Amino acid sequence: MKARVLNGAEEGLWLRAEKQSGGIGRLGRKWESPEGNLYCSTIVTCRREDPAPSTLSFVAAVAVHKAISAHLSLEDIWLKWPNDILVSGLKICGILLERSGDAVVVGIGVNVAIAPEVDGRIVTSLHQAGSKADLTAAEFLESLAQCFADTLNDWRQMGLVAILSEWQKRAHPLGTRLSTSDANGERLEGEYAGLSDGGALRLRKPDGTLIEIHAGDIDVG
């Protein structure tokens, strides 16, 4: 997709792979890619008046949440900062942004049919969580593409604050216990206190201090 961007591909194009031989996630982690799940990318062209390109991660997360919610009757579908989607507490999706010239390639992986084994993490799939047993990755992408287009339009027309509000409606409740590590590897624990206007995670430490987290892995509980 990055090569297509450099060759003039326009916003709105989606590419889907049946499977991947070298899928990657955040921080270069391996992304297991068995046939039956969704592996797709789309292009967003950066415009001068757009919010910060990095905040497209919130656009993607809200869009995936909407699409998943359309195929599952569960209420236990929520977002974990910055762009994880959890179903009954289990990871079901991965999102990765990569800049390419004047565009951002948004990569999205969703476990549709298979929940692959992942070291140190328990995951689930749409089929396991109760979607139609014959739901395919291609069919799910149809839902996702529309949800993404609608959310991207809101991001542009209504601004980042509106998207962050939509994200927070779908996130774990205020006061949820969270933990992470700072740049020095020191463990930080506290309660989820919402998001800043720029999308940073607000963490209230046990002593009442409110800090902002701009990057890192978050654990719930």
N, C-alpha and C. Protein backbone atom coordinates (compact mmCIF):
# COMPACT_ATOMS: atom_id res chain seq x y z
N MET A 1 0.82 -1.21 0.00
CA MET A 1 0.00 0.00 0.00
C MET A 1 0.86 1.26 0.00
N LYS A 2 1.97 1.24 0.73
CA LYS A 2 2.87 2.40 0.74
C LYS A 2 3.43 2.66 -0.67
N ALA A 3 3.73 1.59 -1.39
CA ALA A 3 4.20 1.75 -2.75
C ALA A 3 3.12 2.35 -3.64
N ARG A 4 1.88 1.96 -3.43
CA ARG A 4 0.78 2.50 -4.23
C ARG A 4 0.57 3.99 -3.94
N VAL A 5 0.76 4.36 -2.68
CA VAL A 5 0.65 5.78 -2.33
C VAL A 5 1.66 6.59 -3.14
N LEU A 6 2.89 6.12 -3.19
CA LEU A 6 3.94 6.83 -3.92
C LEU A 6 3.68 6.86 -5.42
N ASN A 7 2.84 5.93 -5.88
CA ASN A 7 2.48 5.89 -7.31
C ASN A 7 1.17 6.60 -7.60
N GLY A 8 0.65 7.32 -6.59
CA GLY A 8 -0.53 8.15 -6.83
C GLY A 8 -1.86 7.59 -6.41
N ALA A 9 -1.88 6.48 -5.66
CA ALA A 9 -3.16 5.93 -5.20
C ALA A 9 -3.88 6.95 -4.32
N GLU A 10 -5.19 6.99 -4.42
CA GLU A 10 -5.97 8.00 -3.74
C GLU A 10 -6.64 7.47 -2.47
N GLU A 11 -7.02 8.42 -1.63
CA GLU A 11 -7.73 8.08 -0.39
C GLU A 11 -8.99 7.26 -0.70
N GLY A 12 -9.26 6.31 0.18
CA GLY A 12 -10.45 5.48 0.00
C GLY A 12 -10.15 4.09 -0.53
N LEU A 13 -8.95 3.91 -1.08
CA LEU A 13 -8.56 2.58 -1.55
C LEU A 13 -8.33 1.65 -0.36
N TRP A 14 -8.81 0.42 -0.47
CA TRP A 14 -8.56 -0.61 0.54
C TRP A 14 -7.87 -1.79 -0.14
N LEU A 15 -6.91 -2.37 0.54
CA LEU A 15 -6.30 -3.63 0.11
C LEU A 15 -6.52 -4.66 1.21
N ARG A 16 -6.86 -5.88 0.80
CA ARG A 16 -7.05 -6.97 1.78
C ARG A 16 -6.22 -8.16 1.36
N ALA A 17 -5.52 -8.76 2.31
CA ALA A 17 -4.75 -9.98 2.07
C ALA A 17 -5.49 -11.17 2.66
N GLU A 18 -5.48 -12.29 1.95
CA GLU A 18 -6.07 -13.51 2.50
C GLU A 18 -5.26 -14.00 3.70
N LYS A 19 -3.95 -13.85 3.61
CA LYS A 19 -3.06 -14.17 4.72
C LYS A 19 -1.76 -13.40 4.51
N GLN A 20 -0.93 -13.32 5.55
CA GLN A 20 0.32 -12.59 5.47
C GLN A 20 1.47 -13.50 5.89
N SER A 21 2.60 -13.30 5.27
CA SER A 21 3.79 -14.07 5.65
C SER A 21 4.70 -13.29 6.58
N GLY A 22 4.47 -11.97 6.68
CA GLY A 22 5.33 -11.16 7.53
C GLY A 22 4.57 -10.05 8.21
N GLY A 23 3.41 -10.36 8.76
CA GLY A 23 2.60 -9.34 9.43
C GLY A 23 3.30 -8.79 10.66
N ILE A 24 3.20 -7.47 10.85
CA ILE A 24 3.81 -6.85 12.02
C ILE A 24 2.78 -6.00 12.76
N GLY A 25 3.02 -5.85 14.07
CA GLY A 25 2.18 -4.99 14.89
C GLY A 25 3.01 -3.85 15.44
N ARG A 26 2.55 -3.24 16.52
CA ARG A 26 3.28 -2.14 17.13
C ARG A 26 4.66 -2.60 17.59
N LEU A 27 5.63 -1.67 17.48
CA LEU A 27 7.00 -1.92 17.94
C LEU A 27 7.63 -3.10 17.23
N GLY A 28 7.15 -3.39 16.00
CA GLY A 28 7.74 -4.46 15.22
C GLY A 28 7.38 -5.86 15.67
N ARG A 29 6.39 -5.98 16.54
CA ARG A 29 5.98 -7.31 17.00
C ARG A 29 5.36 -8.11 15.87
N LYS A 30 5.54 -9.41 15.92
CA LYS A 30 4.96 -10.28 14.91
C LYS A 30 3.46 -10.33 15.07
N TRP A 31 2.74 -10.27 13.94
CA TRP A 31 1.29 -10.39 13.94
C TRP A 31 0.93 -11.68 13.22
N GLU A 32 0.41 -12.64 13.97
CA GLU A 32 0.04 -13.93 13.39
C GLU A 32 -1.09 -13.73 12.37
N SER A 33 -0.94 -14.36 11.20
CA SER A 33 -1.85 -14.04 10.10
C SER A 33 -2.40 -15.26 9.38
N PRO A 34 -3.12 -16.13 10.10
CA PRO A 34 -3.68 -17.31 9.42
C PRO A 34 -4.84 -16.92 8.50
N GLU A 35 -5.04 -17.71 7.47
CA GLU A 35 -6.13 -17.45 6.54
C GLU A 35 -7.48 -17.53 7.26
N GLY A 36 -8.36 -16.61 6.96
CA GLY A 36 -9.68 -16.57 7.59
C GLY A 36 -9.91 -15.29 8.37
N ASN A 37 -8.82 -14.61 8.75
CA ASN A 37 -8.94 -13.35 9.47
C ASN A 37 -8.77 -12.17 8.50
N LEU A 38 -9.02 -10.96 9.00
CA LEU A 38 -8.94 -9.77 8.16
C LEU A 38 -7.59 -9.08 8.31
N TYR A 39 -6.92 -8.86 7.18
CA TYR A 39 -5.67 -8.11 7.13
C TYR A 39 -5.85 -7.07 6.02
N CYS A 40 -5.97 -5.80 6.39
CA CYS A 40 -6.30 -4.81 5.40
C CYS A 40 -5.60 -3.48 5.70
N SER A 41 -5.49 -2.65 4.67
CA SER A 41 -4.93 -1.32 4.81
C SER A 41 -5.73 -0.36 3.95
N THR A 42 -5.76 0.89 4.39
CA THR A 42 -6.40 1.94 3.61
C THR A 42 -5.53 3.19 3.67
N ILE A 43 -5.84 4.15 2.83
CA ILE A 43 -5.07 5.38 2.71
C ILE A 43 -5.90 6.56 3.19
N VAL A 44 -5.26 7.44 3.97
CA VAL A 44 -5.85 8.73 4.32
C VAL A 44 -4.88 9.81 3.87
N THR A 45 -5.32 10.68 2.99
CA THR A 45 -4.48 11.78 2.51
C THR A 45 -4.50 12.91 3.53
N CYS A 46 -3.33 13.38 3.93
CA CYS A 46 -3.23 14.43 4.95
C CYS A 46 -3.54 15.79 4.33
N ARG A 47 -4.49 16.49 4.92
CA ARG A 47 -4.85 17.82 4.47
C ARG A 47 -4.40 18.84 5.53
N ARG A 48 -4.13 20.04 5.09
CA ARG A 48 -3.60 21.06 5.99
C ARG A 48 -4.52 21.31 7.16
N GLU A 49 -5.83 21.27 6.93
CA GLU A 49 -6.79 21.61 7.98
C GLU A 49 -7.17 20.42 8.86
N ASP A 50 -6.64 19.24 8.57
CA ASP A 50 -6.97 18.04 9.36
C ASP A 50 -6.37 18.12 10.76
N PRO A 51 -6.96 17.41 11.72
CA PRO A 51 -6.29 17.20 13.00
C PRO A 51 -4.97 16.46 12.79
N ALA A 52 -4.18 16.32 13.84
CA ALA A 52 -2.87 15.67 13.73
C ALA A 52 -3.03 14.26 13.15
N PRO A 53 -2.20 13.89 12.17
CA PRO A 53 -2.32 12.55 11.56
C PRO A 53 -2.25 11.41 12.56
N SER A 54 -1.49 11.58 13.64
CA SER A 54 -1.36 10.51 14.63
C SER A 54 -2.70 10.17 15.27
N THR A 55 -3.64 11.12 15.28
CA THR A 55 -4.93 10.87 15.92
C THR A 55 -5.86 10.02 15.05
N LEU A 56 -5.39 9.65 13.86
CA LEU A 56 -6.17 8.70 13.06
C LEU A 56 -6.27 7.34 13.76
N SER A 57 -5.41 7.09 14.73
CA SER A 57 -5.53 5.84 15.50
C SER A 57 -6.86 5.79 16.23
N PHE A 58 -7.34 6.95 16.69
CA PHE A 58 -8.64 6.99 17.37
C PHE A 58 -9.78 6.81 16.36
N VAL A 59 -9.61 7.37 15.16
CA VAL A 59 -10.59 7.17 14.10
C VAL A 59 -10.72 5.68 13.79
N ALA A 60 -9.58 5.02 13.61
CA ALA A 60 -9.59 3.60 13.28
C ALA A 60 -10.20 2.77 14.40
N ALA A 61 -9.85 3.09 15.64
CA ALA A 61 -10.38 2.32 16.77
C ALA A 61 -11.89 2.45 16.88
N VAL A 62 -12.41 3.67 16.74
CA VAL A 62 -13.86 3.87 16.81
C VAL A 62 -14.55 3.14 15.66
N ALA A 63 -13.95 3.21 14.47
CA ALA A 63 -14.55 2.55 13.31
C ALA A 63 -14.60 1.03 13.51
N VAL A 64 -13.51 0.45 13.99
CA VAL A 64 -13.50 -1.00 14.22
C VAL A 64 -14.51 -1.37 15.29
N HIS A 65 -14.59 -0.57 16.34
CA HIS A 65 -15.57 -0.85 17.40
C HIS A 65 -16.99 -0.86 16.83
N LYS A 66 -17.30 0.13 16.00
CA LYS A 66 -18.64 0.18 15.38
C LYS A 66 -18.90 -1.06 14.53
N ALA A 67 -17.89 -1.46 13.74
CA ALA A 67 -18.07 -2.60 12.86
C ALA A 67 -18.25 -3.90 13.64
N ILE A 68 -17.43 -4.08 14.67
CA ILE A 68 -17.55 -5.28 15.50
C ILE A 68 -18.91 -5.32 16.19
N SER A 69 -19.34 -4.17 16.71
CA SER A 69 -20.62 -4.10 17.42
C SER A 69 -21.79 -4.45 16.51
N ALA A 70 -21.61 -4.23 15.20
CA ALA A 70 -22.67 -4.56 14.25
C ALA A 70 -22.80 -6.05 14.03
N HIS A 71 -21.77 -6.81 14.41
CA HIS A 71 -21.78 -8.26 14.18
C HIS A 71 -21.85 -9.08 15.46
N LEU A 72 -21.81 -8.42 16.61
CA LEU A 72 -21.91 -9.12 17.89
C LEU A 72 -23.01 -8.49 18.73
N SER A 73 -23.75 -9.31 19.44
CA SER A 73 -24.82 -8.80 20.30
C SER A 73 -24.31 -8.53 21.72
N LEU A 74 -23.02 -8.69 21.96
CA LEU A 74 -22.45 -8.48 23.28
C LEU A 74 -22.38 -6.99 23.62
N GLU A 75 -22.46 -6.68 24.93
CA GLU A 75 -22.21 -5.32 25.39
C GLU A 75 -20.76 -5.15 25.81
N ASP A 76 -20.07 -6.25 26.06
CA ASP A 76 -18.69 -6.20 26.58
C ASP A 76 -17.69 -6.07 25.44
N ILE A 77 -17.79 -4.96 24.72
CA ILE A 77 -16.85 -4.63 23.64
C ILE A 77 -16.33 -3.23 23.96
N TRP A 78 -15.06 -3.11 24.27
CA TRP A 78 -14.59 -1.78 24.64
C TRP A 78 -13.17 -1.52 24.16
N LEU A 79 -12.84 -0.23 24.15
CA LEU A 79 -11.55 0.22 23.67
C LEU A 79 -10.57 0.40 24.81
N LYS A 80 -9.32 0.06 24.56
CA LYS A 80 -8.23 0.28 25.51
C LYS A 80 -7.20 1.15 24.83
N TRP A 81 -6.80 2.20 25.53
CA TRP A 81 -5.90 3.20 24.95
C TRP A 81 -4.61 2.56 24.47
N PRO A 82 -4.08 2.99 23.29
CA PRO A 82 -4.71 4.00 22.43
C PRO A 82 -5.66 3.44 21.39
N ASN A 83 -5.47 2.18 20.97
CA ASN A 83 -6.34 1.68 19.89
C ASN A 83 -6.54 0.17 19.92
N ASP A 84 -6.57 -0.42 21.10
CA ASP A 84 -6.90 -1.83 21.22
C ASP A 84 -8.41 -1.99 21.33
N ILE A 85 -8.94 -3.04 20.74
CA ILE A 85 -10.35 -3.39 20.90
C ILE A 85 -10.41 -4.73 21.62
N LEU A 86 -11.12 -4.76 22.73
CA LEU A 86 -11.24 -5.97 23.54
C LEU A 86 -12.68 -6.44 23.56
N VAL A 87 -12.86 -7.74 23.42
CA VAL A 87 -14.18 -8.37 23.53
C VAL A 87 -14.13 -9.31 24.72
N SER A 88 -14.97 -9.06 25.70
CA SER A 88 -14.94 -9.82 26.96
C SER A 88 -13.53 -9.84 27.55
N GLY A 89 -12.84 -8.73 27.41
CA GLY A 89 -11.50 -8.58 27.97
C GLY A 89 -10.39 -9.17 27.13
N LEU A 90 -10.70 -9.73 25.96
CA LEU A 90 -9.72 -10.40 25.12
C LEU A 90 -9.46 -9.60 23.85
N LYS A 91 -8.19 -9.52 23.46
CA LYS A 91 -7.81 -8.74 22.27
C LYS A 91 -8.35 -9.40 21.01
N ILE A 92 -8.89 -8.57 20.11
CA ILE A 92 -9.45 -9.10 18.87
C ILE A 92 -8.93 -8.35 17.65
N CYS A 93 -8.22 -7.25 17.86
CA CYS A 93 -7.85 -6.38 16.75
C CYS A 93 -6.50 -5.72 16.98
N GLY A 94 -5.81 -5.41 15.89
CA GLY A 94 -4.59 -4.63 15.94
C GLY A 94 -4.65 -3.52 14.90
N ILE A 95 -4.12 -2.34 15.24
CA ILE A 95 -4.13 -1.18 14.36
C ILE A 95 -2.73 -0.59 14.31
N LEU A 96 -2.26 -0.25 13.12
CA LEU A 96 -0.93 0.30 12.96
C LEU A 96 -0.97 1.40 11.91
N LEU A 97 -0.44 2.59 12.25
CA LEU A 97 -0.35 3.71 11.32
C LEU A 97 1.07 3.85 10.82
N GLU A 98 1.22 4.10 9.51
CA GLU A 98 2.54 4.35 8.93
C GLU A 98 2.43 5.50 7.95
N ARG A 99 3.31 6.48 8.10
CA ARG A 99 3.31 7.64 7.20
C ARG A 99 3.97 7.26 5.88
N SER A 100 3.40 7.72 4.78
CA SER A 100 3.97 7.50 3.46
C SER A 100 3.75 8.77 2.65
N GLY A 101 4.79 9.62 2.55
CA GLY A 101 4.65 10.88 1.84
C GLY A 101 3.61 11.77 2.50
N ASP A 102 2.64 12.22 1.73
CA ASP A 102 1.59 13.08 2.25
C ASP A 102 0.35 12.30 2.68
N ALA A 103 0.53 11.03 2.96
CA ALA A 103 -0.60 10.20 3.36
C ALA A 103 -0.22 9.34 4.56
N VAL A 104 -1.23 8.77 5.18
CA VAL A 104 -1.05 7.79 6.25
C VAL A 104 -1.69 6.49 5.80
N VAL A 105 -0.93 5.41 5.90
CA VAL A 105 -1.48 4.09 5.64
C VAL A 105 -1.97 3.52 6.97
N VAL A 106 -3.24 3.22 7.03
CA VAL A 106 -3.86 2.68 8.24
C VAL A 106 -4.00 1.17 8.06
N GLY A 107 -3.24 0.40 8.82
CA GLY A 107 -3.32 -1.05 8.75
C GLY A 107 -4.18 -1.59 9.88
N ILE A 108 -5.08 -2.49 9.56
CA ILE A 108 -6.01 -3.05 10.55
C ILE A 108 -6.06 -4.56 10.40
N GLY A 109 -5.91 -5.26 11.50
CA GLY A 109 -6.07 -6.71 11.53
C GLY A 109 -7.14 -7.08 12.54
N VAL A 110 -8.09 -7.90 12.13
CA VAL A 110 -9.18 -8.33 13.01
C VAL A 110 -9.29 -9.84 12.95
N ASN A 111 -9.34 -10.47 14.11
CA ASN A 111 -9.55 -11.92 14.17
C ASN A 111 -11.02 -12.20 13.88
N VAL A 112 -11.29 -12.68 12.70
CA VAL A 112 -12.66 -12.99 12.30
C VAL A 112 -13.00 -14.45 12.60
N ALA A 113 -12.25 -15.36 11.99
CA ALA A 113 -12.57 -16.79 12.13
C ALA A 113 -11.68 -17.51 13.13
N ILE A 114 -10.47 -16.99 13.35
CA ILE A 114 -9.47 -17.72 14.13
C ILE A 114 -8.87 -16.82 15.21
N ALA A 115 -8.67 -17.39 16.39
CA ALA A 115 -7.95 -16.71 17.47
C ALA A 115 -6.59 -17.36 17.60
N PRO A 116 -5.56 -16.82 16.96
CA PRO A 116 -4.24 -17.47 16.97
C PRO A 116 -3.61 -17.44 18.35
N GLU A 117 -2.71 -18.38 18.58
CA GLU A 117 -1.99 -18.41 19.85
C GLU A 117 -0.95 -17.30 19.85
N VAL A 118 -0.95 -16.49 20.91
CA VAL A 118 -0.01 -15.37 21.04
C VAL A 118 0.65 -15.47 22.40
N ASP A 119 1.98 -15.47 22.41
CA ASP A 119 2.71 -15.58 23.67
C ASP A 119 2.32 -14.45 24.62
N GLY A 120 1.94 -14.82 25.84
CA GLY A 120 1.65 -13.83 26.86
C GLY A 120 0.33 -13.11 26.73
N ARG A 121 -0.53 -13.56 25.83
CA ARG A 121 -1.79 -12.87 25.65
C ARG A 121 -2.86 -13.84 25.19
N ILE A 122 -4.06 -13.68 25.73
CA ILE A 122 -5.20 -14.49 25.31
C ILE A 122 -6.05 -13.65 24.37
N VAL A 123 -6.34 -14.19 23.21
CA VAL A 123 -7.09 -13.44 22.21
C VAL A 123 -8.38 -14.18 21.87
N THR A 124 -9.24 -13.52 21.12
CA THR A 124 -10.49 -14.13 20.69
C THR A 124 -10.75 -13.77 19.24
N SER A 125 -11.84 -14.27 18.69
CA SER A 125 -12.23 -13.98 17.31
C SER A 125 -13.72 -13.67 17.29
N LEU A 126 -14.18 -13.11 16.18
CA LEU A 126 -15.60 -12.83 16.06
C LEU A 126 -16.43 -14.11 16.12
N HIS A 127 -15.95 -15.16 15.47
CA HIS A 127 -16.69 -16.43 15.51
C HIS A 127 -16.78 -16.94 16.94
N GLN A 128 -15.70 -16.91 17.68
CA GLN A 128 -15.72 -17.39 19.07
C GLN A 128 -16.63 -16.54 19.94
N ALA A 129 -16.71 -15.24 19.62
CA ALA A 129 -17.49 -14.32 20.45
C ALA A 129 -18.97 -14.33 20.10
N GLY A 130 -19.37 -15.05 19.04
CA GLY A 130 -20.79 -15.20 18.76
C GLY A 130 -21.32 -14.57 17.51
N SER A 131 -20.44 -14.20 16.57
CA SER A 131 -20.92 -13.68 15.30
C SER A 131 -21.52 -14.82 14.48
N LYS A 132 -22.08 -14.50 13.32
CA LYS A 132 -22.54 -15.56 12.42
C LYS A 132 -21.37 -16.47 12.08
N ALA A 133 -21.63 -17.76 12.10
CA ALA A 133 -20.55 -18.72 11.89
C ALA A 133 -19.97 -18.62 10.49
N ASP A 134 -20.74 -18.09 9.54
CA ASP A 134 -20.25 -17.99 8.16
C ASP A 134 -19.75 -16.59 7.81
N LEU A 135 -19.60 -15.72 8.80
CA LEU A 135 -19.06 -14.38 8.54
C LEU A 135 -17.64 -14.49 8.01
N THR A 136 -17.36 -13.84 6.89
CA THR A 136 -16.04 -13.89 6.29
C THR A 136 -15.31 -12.56 6.49
N ALA A 137 -14.00 -12.60 6.28
CA ALA A 137 -13.21 -11.38 6.39
C ALA A 137 -13.65 -10.36 5.35
N ALA A 138 -13.95 -10.81 4.15
CA ALA A 138 -14.39 -9.90 3.09
C ALA A 138 -15.70 -9.21 3.47
N GLU A 139 -16.63 -9.96 4.05
CA GLU A 139 -17.91 -9.37 4.47
C GLU A 139 -17.69 -8.37 5.60
N PHE A 140 -16.82 -8.72 6.53
CA PHE A 140 -16.56 -7.80 7.64
C PHE A 140 -15.94 -6.50 7.14
N LEU A 141 -15.06 -6.61 6.14
CA LEU A 141 -14.42 -5.41 5.59
C LEU A 141 -15.45 -4.45 5.00
N GLU A 142 -16.52 -4.98 4.43
CA GLU A 142 -17.56 -4.10 3.90
C GLU A 142 -18.13 -3.22 5.00
N SER A 143 -18.39 -3.81 6.16
CA SER A 143 -18.89 -3.04 7.31
C SER A 143 -17.84 -2.04 7.77
N LEU A 144 -16.60 -2.52 7.89
CA LEU A 144 -15.52 -1.68 8.40
C LEU A 144 -15.25 -0.49 7.50
N ALA A 145 -15.23 -0.70 6.20
CA ALA A 145 -14.93 0.39 5.27
C ALA A 145 -15.95 1.52 5.39
N GLN A 146 -17.22 1.17 5.55
CA GLN A 146 -18.25 2.19 5.70
C GLN A 146 -18.11 2.91 7.04
N CYS A 147 -17.86 2.15 8.10
CA CYS A 147 -17.69 2.75 9.42
C CYS A 147 -16.48 3.69 9.43
N PHE A 148 -15.41 3.27 8.75
CA PHE A 148 -14.20 4.10 8.71
C PHE A 148 -14.47 5.39 7.94
N ALA A 149 -15.14 5.30 6.82
CA ALA A 149 -15.45 6.49 6.02
C ALA A 149 -16.30 7.47 6.81
N ASP A 150 -17.29 6.96 7.54
CA ASP A 150 -18.16 7.83 8.33
C ASP A 150 -17.38 8.50 9.47
N THR A 151 -16.53 7.73 10.15
CA THR A 151 -15.78 8.27 11.28
C THR A 151 -14.71 9.24 10.81
N LEU A 152 -14.08 8.94 9.67
CA LEU A 152 -13.10 9.85 9.10
C LEU A 152 -13.75 11.19 8.74
N ASN A 153 -14.95 11.15 8.19
CA ASN A 153 -15.66 12.37 7.87
C ASN A 153 -15.96 13.19 9.14
N ASP A 154 -16.35 12.50 10.22
CA ASP A 154 -16.60 13.20 11.49
C ASP A 154 -15.32 13.85 12.01
N TRP A 155 -14.21 13.15 11.89
CA TRP A 155 -12.89 13.66 12.33
C TRP A 155 -12.56 14.96 11.61
N ARG A 156 -12.89 15.01 10.33
CA ARG A 156 -12.61 16.21 9.53
C ARG A 156 -13.64 17.31 9.75
N GLN A 157 -14.90 16.94 9.84
CA GLN A 157 -15.95 17.95 9.90
C GLN A 157 -16.23 18.43 11.33
N MET A 158 -16.09 17.55 12.30
CA MET A 158 -16.44 17.87 13.68
C MET A 158 -15.21 18.06 14.58
N GLY A 159 -14.05 17.59 14.11
CA GLY A 159 -12.83 17.81 14.87
C GLY A 159 -12.46 16.66 15.79
N LEU A 160 -11.25 16.76 16.32
CA LEU A 160 -10.72 15.69 17.17
C LEU A 160 -11.51 15.53 18.46
N VAL A 161 -11.97 16.62 19.04
CA VAL A 161 -12.70 16.53 20.31
C VAL A 161 -13.91 15.61 20.18
N ALA A 162 -14.61 15.70 19.06
CA ALA A 162 -15.79 14.85 18.84
C ALA A 162 -15.39 13.38 18.75
N ILE A 163 -14.27 13.10 18.07
CA ILE A 163 -13.82 11.71 17.94
C ILE A 163 -13.37 11.17 19.28
N LEU A 164 -12.66 11.98 20.06
CA LEU A 164 -12.22 11.53 21.39
C LEU A 164 -13.42 11.27 22.29
N SER A 165 -14.48 12.05 22.12
CA SER A 165 -15.70 11.81 22.89
C SER A 165 -16.31 10.47 22.51
N GLU A 166 -16.35 10.17 21.21
CA GLU A 166 -16.85 8.88 20.76
C GLU A 166 -15.98 7.74 21.27
N TRP A 167 -14.67 7.96 21.27
CA TRP A 167 -13.74 6.94 21.78
C TRP A 167 -14.02 6.66 23.25
N GLN A 168 -14.18 7.72 24.03
CA GLN A 168 -14.36 7.55 25.47
C GLN A 168 -15.69 6.88 25.81
N LYS A 169 -16.70 7.08 24.97
CA LYS A 169 -17.97 6.39 25.19
C LYS A 169 -17.81 4.88 25.07
N ARG A 170 -16.81 4.46 24.30
CA ARG A 170 -16.60 3.03 24.02
C ARG A 170 -15.46 2.44 24.84
N ALA A 171 -14.87 3.23 25.71
CA ALA A 171 -13.71 2.78 26.49
C ALA A 171 -14.13 2.20 27.83
N HIS A 172 -13.16 1.62 28.53
CA HIS A 172 -13.41 1.14 29.89
C HIS A 172 -13.83 2.32 30.76
N PRO A 173 -14.60 2.09 31.82
CA PRO A 173 -15.16 3.19 32.62
C PRO A 173 -14.09 4.02 33.32
N LEU A 174 -14.42 5.27 33.60
CA LEU A 174 -13.56 6.10 34.42
C LEU A 174 -13.32 5.40 35.76
N GLY A 175 -12.10 5.46 36.25
CA GLY A 175 -11.78 4.81 37.52
C GLY A 175 -11.23 3.40 37.36
N THR A 176 -11.25 2.87 36.12
CA THR A 176 -10.68 1.54 35.89
C THR A 176 -9.20 1.54 36.25
N ARG A 177 -8.76 0.50 36.94
CA ARG A 177 -7.36 0.40 37.32
C ARG A 177 -6.50 0.07 36.11
N LEU A 178 -5.47 0.88 35.89
CA LEU A 178 -4.56 0.70 34.78
C LEU A 178 -3.12 0.72 35.27
N SER A 179 -2.24 0.13 34.47
CA SER A 179 -0.81 0.20 34.78
C SER A 179 -0.03 0.29 33.48
N THR A 180 1.15 0.89 33.56
CA THR A 180 2.03 1.03 32.41
C THR A 180 3.44 1.24 32.93
N SER A 181 4.38 1.50 32.04
CA SER A 181 5.76 1.78 32.44
C SER A 181 6.20 3.09 31.81
N ASP A 182 7.01 3.86 32.55
CA ASP A 182 7.51 5.11 31.99
C ASP A 182 8.74 4.86 31.14
N ALA A 183 9.36 5.93 30.65
CA ALA A 183 10.51 5.80 29.75
C ALA A 183 11.69 5.11 30.41
N ASN A 184 11.74 5.13 31.73
CA ASN A 184 12.84 4.50 32.46
C ASN A 184 12.52 3.07 32.88
N GLY A 185 11.35 2.59 32.48
CA GLY A 185 10.96 1.23 32.84
C GLY A 185 10.28 1.13 34.19
N GLU A 186 10.07 2.26 34.86
CA GLU A 186 9.41 2.23 36.16
C GLU A 186 7.91 2.00 36.00
N ARG A 187 7.38 1.10 36.82
CA ARG A 187 5.96 0.76 36.71
C ARG A 187 5.11 1.87 37.28
N LEU A 188 4.08 2.26 36.53
CA LEU A 188 3.13 3.28 36.97
C LEU A 188 1.76 2.65 37.09
N GLU A 189 1.08 2.93 38.19
CA GLU A 189 -0.27 2.40 38.39
C GLU A 189 -1.20 3.52 38.80
N GLY A 190 -2.45 3.37 38.47
CA GLY A 190 -3.43 4.39 38.84
C GLY A 190 -4.79 4.09 38.26
N GLU A 191 -5.63 5.11 38.19
CA GLU A 191 -6.98 4.97 37.68
C GLU A 191 -7.15 5.77 36.39
N TYR A 192 -7.89 5.20 35.47
CA TYR A 192 -8.19 5.89 34.21
C TYR A 192 -9.01 7.13 34.50
N ALA A 193 -8.52 8.28 34.03
CA ALA A 193 -9.19 9.56 34.28
C ALA A 193 -9.53 10.28 32.98
N GLY A 194 -9.76 9.53 31.92
CA GLY A 194 -10.15 10.13 30.65
C GLY A 194 -8.97 10.46 29.76
N LEU A 195 -9.23 11.28 28.75
CA LEU A 195 -8.21 11.67 27.78
C LEU A 195 -8.01 13.18 27.80
N SER A 196 -6.81 13.60 27.44
CA SER A 196 -6.56 15.02 27.25
C SER A 196 -7.16 15.47 25.93
N ASP A 197 -7.16 16.77 25.67
CA ASP A 197 -7.71 17.28 24.42
C ASP A 197 -6.93 16.78 23.20
N GLY A 198 -5.67 16.36 23.42
CA GLY A 198 -4.86 15.85 22.33
C GLY A 198 -4.87 14.34 22.21
N GLY A 199 -5.55 13.66 23.12
CA GLY A 199 -5.66 12.21 23.07
C GLY A 199 -4.74 11.45 23.99
N ALA A 200 -3.97 12.17 24.85
CA ALA A 200 -3.12 11.48 25.82
C ALA A 200 -3.99 10.83 26.89
N LEU A 201 -3.51 9.71 27.43
CA LEU A 201 -4.23 9.02 28.51
C LEU A 201 -3.96 9.73 29.83
N ARG A 202 -4.99 10.05 30.57
CA ARG A 202 -4.84 10.63 31.89
C ARG A 202 -4.91 9.53 32.94
N LEU A 203 -3.89 9.48 33.77
CA LEU A 203 -3.79 8.45 34.80
C LEU A 203 -3.71 9.14 36.16
N ARG A 204 -4.63 8.79 37.05
CA ARG A 204 -4.61 9.35 38.41
C ARG A 204 -3.90 8.38 39.34
N LYS A 205 -2.74 8.78 39.83
CA LYS A 205 -1.93 7.92 40.69
C LYS A 205 -2.57 7.81 42.08
N PRO A 206 -2.17 6.81 42.86
CA PRO A 206 -2.77 6.60 44.18
C PRO A 206 -2.71 7.83 45.09
N ASP A 207 -1.70 8.70 44.90
CA ASP A 207 -1.60 9.90 45.74
C ASP A 207 -2.44 11.06 45.21
N GLY A 208 -3.22 10.80 44.15
CA GLY A 208 -4.08 11.82 43.59
C GLY A 208 -3.47 12.62 42.45
N THR A 209 -2.17 12.44 42.22
CA THR A 209 -1.50 13.14 41.13
C THR A 209 -2.05 12.69 39.78
N LEU A 210 -2.30 13.66 38.91
CA LEU A 210 -2.81 13.35 37.58
C LEU A 210 -1.68 13.51 36.58
N ILE A 211 -1.36 12.46 35.85
CA ILE A 211 -0.30 12.51 34.85
C ILE A 211 -0.87 12.12 33.49
N GLU A 212 -0.16 12.50 32.44
CA GLU A 212 -0.57 12.16 31.08
C GLU A 212 0.41 11.19 30.46
N ILE A 213 -0.13 10.15 29.84
CA ILE A 213 0.68 9.13 29.16
C ILE A 213 0.52 9.37 27.65
N HIS A 214 1.65 9.55 26.95
CA HIS A 214 1.60 9.83 25.52
C HIS A 214 1.98 8.63 24.67
N ALA A 215 2.60 7.61 25.26
CA ALA A 215 2.98 6.41 24.53
C ALA A 215 3.22 5.29 25.52
N GLY A 216 3.00 4.06 25.07
CA GLY A 216 3.27 2.92 25.94
C GLY A 216 2.16 1.90 25.90
N ASP A 217 2.45 0.72 26.45
CA ASP A 217 1.47 -0.34 26.56
C ASP A 217 0.73 -0.21 27.87
N ILE A 218 -0.58 -0.37 27.83
CA ILE A 218 -1.43 -0.23 29.00
C ILE A 218 -2.00 -1.59 29.37
N ASP A 219 -1.94 -1.92 30.66
CA ASP A 219 -2.56 -3.13 31.18
C ASP A 219 -3.75 -2.74 32.04
N VAL A 220 -4.84 -3.48 31.93
CA VAL A 220 -6.05 -3.21 32.70
C VAL A 220 -6.09 -4.12 33.92
N GLY A 221 -6.39 -3.52 35.09
CA GLY A 221 -6.53 -4.31 36.30
C GLY A 221 -5.27 -4.34 37.13
